Amino acid sequence: MQETFMLPKEIDHTGNIELLNCSLLAIFSSAKCPASLILNTYDYAKEIRDGEMGVISGFHSPAEREVLEVLLKGKSACTGGIGRQGY
């Protein structure tokens, strides 16, 4: 059986909601991730931190937090979201 979801009429937010209209790269990772992948992700974050593309993530896992630390040193737009399942 397929579930259907109703989109909210309003979104609670803090900051510039217009960032959601920009090109965004989604970063997500398991909490348990091999160190080699975290290092690759860290290196990629350094490459894109001053670019035009923004990044969207929950920034919860270790790899996501590493990316956030790198991005905050650059000019790239970052958006964070707290995912909540509606019941």
C-alpha atoms as a PDB file:
ATOM      1  CA  MET A   1       0.000   0.000   0.000  1.00  0.00           C
ATOM      2  CA  GLN A   2       1.440   3.355  -1.022  1.00  0.00           C
ATOM      3  CA  GLU A   3       1.435   6.143   1.551  1.00  0.00           C
ATOM      4  CA  THR A   4       0.620   9.698   0.590  1.00  0.00           C
ATOM      5  CA  PHE A   5       1.959  12.722   2.404  1.00  0.00           C
ATOM      6  CA  MET A   6       0.493  16.183   2.689  1.00  0.00           C
ATOM      7  CA  LEU A   7       2.987  18.993   2.255  1.00  0.00           C
ATOM      8  CA  PRO A   8       2.766  21.696   4.907  1.00  0.00           C
ATOM      9  CA  LYS A   9       1.433  25.097   3.872  1.00  0.00           C
ATOM     10  CA  GLU A  10       4.201  26.747   5.870  1.00  0.00           C
ATOM     11  CA  ILE A  11       7.732  25.699   6.792  1.00  0.00           C
ATOM     12  CA  ASP A  12       9.293  26.760  10.057  1.00  0.00           C
ATOM     13  CA  HIS A  13      12.733  28.137   9.353  1.00  0.00           C
ATOM     14  CA  THR A  14      15.495  30.323  10.640  1.00  0.00           C
ATOM     15  CA  GLY A  15      17.668  32.287   8.262  1.00  0.00           C
ATOM     16  CA  ASN A  16      17.408  32.872   4.536  1.00  0.00           C
ATOM     17  CA  ILE A  17      14.779  30.513   3.079  1.00  0.00           C
ATOM     18  CA  GLU A  18      15.755  31.684  -0.433  1.00  0.00           C
ATOM     19  CA  LEU A  19      18.794  29.389  -0.159  1.00  0.00           C
ATOM     20  CA  LEU A  20      16.401  26.553  -0.999  1.00  0.00           C
ATOM     21  CA  ASN A  21      16.033  28.051  -4.483  1.00  0.00           C
ATOM     22  CA  CYS A  22      19.776  27.691  -5.169  1.00  0.00           C
ATOM     23  CA  SER A  23      21.567  24.670  -6.577  1.00  0.00           C
ATOM     24  CA  LEU A  24      22.180  22.422  -3.584  1.00  0.00           C
ATOM     25  CA  LEU A  25      24.278  19.307  -3.134  1.00  0.00           C
ATOM     26  CA  ALA A  26      22.800  16.907  -0.571  1.00  0.00           C
ATOM     27  CA  ILE A  27      25.306  15.368   1.835  1.00  0.00           C
ATOM     28  CA  PHE A  28      24.202  12.388   3.871  1.00  0.00           C
ATOM     29  CA  SER A  29      26.089   9.599   5.561  1.00  0.00           C
ATOM     30  CA  SER A  30      25.593   6.690   7.887  1.00  0.00           C
ATOM     31  CA  ALA A  31      26.768   7.201  11.459  1.00  0.00           C
ATOM     32  CA  LYS A  32      29.111   4.256  10.877  1.00  0.00           C
ATOM     33  CA  CYS A  33      31.212   5.144   7.884  1.00  0.00           C
ATOM     34  CA  PRO A  34      34.712   4.002   6.892  1.00  0.00           C
ATOM     35  CA  ALA A  35      37.424   6.565   7.645  1.00  0.00           C
ATOM     36  CA  SER A  36      38.539   6.523   4.011  1.00  0.00           C
ATOM     37  CA  LEU A  37      35.122   7.799   2.900  1.00  0.00           C
ATOM     38  CA  ILE A  38      35.157  10.516   5.560  1.00  0.00           C
ATOM     39  CA  LEU A  39      38.570  11.656   4.305  1.00  0.00           C
ATOM     40  CA  ASN A  40      37.342  11.685   0.680  1.00  0.00           C
ATOM     41  CA  THR A  41      34.284  13.676   1.718  1.00  0.00           C
ATOM     42  CA  TYR A  42      36.467  16.119   3.677  1.00  0.00           C
ATOM     43  CA  ASP A  43      38.690  16.643   0.625  1.00  0.00           C
ATOM     44  CA  TYR A  44      35.668  17.208  -1.631  1.00  0.00           C
ATOM     45  CA  ALA A  45      34.202  19.701   0.838  1.00  0.00           C
ATOM     46  CA  LYS A  46      37.460  21.691   0.649  1.00  0.00           C
ATOM     47  CA  GLU A  47      37.115  21.774  -3.161  1.00  0.00           C
ATOM     48  CA  ILE A  48      33.549  23.122  -3.131  1.00  0.00           C
ATOM     49  CA  ARG A  49      33.536  25.388  -0.054  1.00  0.00           C
ATOM     50  CA  ASP A  50      34.094  28.580  -2.042  1.00  0.00           C
ATOM     51  CA  GLY A  51      31.955  27.622  -5.025  1.00  0.00           C
ATOM     52  CA  GLU A  52      28.506  28.635  -6.192  1.00  0.00           C
ATOM     53  CA  MET A  53      26.760  25.425  -5.132  1.00  0.00           C
ATOM     54  CA  GLY A  54      25.248  25.227  -1.676  1.00  0.00           C
ATOM     55  CA  VAL A  55      25.052  22.158   0.531  1.00  0.00           C
ATOM     56  CA  ILE A  56      22.036  20.760   2.327  1.00  0.00           C
ATOM     57  CA  SER A  57      22.326  18.182   5.090  1.00  0.00           C
ATOM     58  CA  GLY A  58      21.216  17.327   8.574  1.00  0.00           C
ATOM     59  CA  PHE A  59      24.871  17.487   9.676  1.00  0.00           C
ATOM     60  CA  HIS A  60      24.291  14.726  12.245  1.00  0.00           C
ATOM     61  CA  SER A  61      26.782  11.968  11.365  1.00  0.00           C
ATOM     62  CA  PRO A  62      30.553  12.316  11.863  1.00  0.00           C
ATOM     63  CA  ALA A  63      31.160  12.696   8.109  1.00  0.00           C
ATOM     64  CA  GLU A  64      28.431  15.330   7.798  1.00  0.00           C
ATOM     65  CA  ARG A  65      29.879  17.281  10.725  1.00  0.00           C
ATOM     66  CA  GLU A  66      33.337  17.178   9.120  1.00  0.00           C
ATOM     67  CA  VAL A  67      31.832  18.637   5.944  1.00  0.00           C
ATOM     68  CA  LEU A  68      30.095  21.387   7.923  1.00  0.00           C
ATOM     69  CA  GLU A  69      33.328  22.398   9.659  1.00  0.00           C
ATOM     70  CA  VAL A  70      35.060  22.742   6.283  1.00  0.00           C
ATOM     71  CA  LEU A  71      32.175  24.592   4.629  1.00  0.00           C
ATOM     72  CA  LEU A  72      31.887  27.134   7.422  1.00  0.00           C
ATOM     73  CA  LYS A  73      35.438  28.263   6.562  1.00  0.00           C
ATOM     74  CA  GLY A  74      34.378  29.130   3.014  1.00  0.00           C
ATOM     75  CA  LYS A  75      31.713  31.089   1.141  1.00  0.00           C
ATOM     76  CA  SER A  76      29.439  28.191   0.199  1.00  0.00           C
ATOM     77  CA  ALA A  77      25.863  28.364   1.434  1.00  0.00           C
ATOM     78  CA  CYS A  78      24.905  25.686   3.966  1.00  0.00           C
ATOM     79  CA  THR A  79      21.411  24.673   4.892  1.00  0.00           C
ATOM     80  CA  GLY A  80      20.632  22.267   7.690  1.00  0.00           C
ATOM     81  CA  GLY A  81      17.437  20.438   8.315  1.00  0.00           C
ATOM     82  CA  ILE A  82      16.025  18.438  11.141  1.00  0.00           C
ATOM     83  CA  GLY A  83      14.195  15.503   9.649  1.00  0.00           C
ATOM     84  CA  ARG A  84      11.062  14.478  11.422  1.00  0.00           C
ATOM     85  CA  GLN A  85       8.658  11.832  10.344  1.00  0.00           C
ATOM     86  CA  GLY A  86       5.056  12.913  10.562  1.00  0.00           C
ATOM     87  CA  TYR A  87       2.733  10.591  12.419  1.00  0.00           C
END
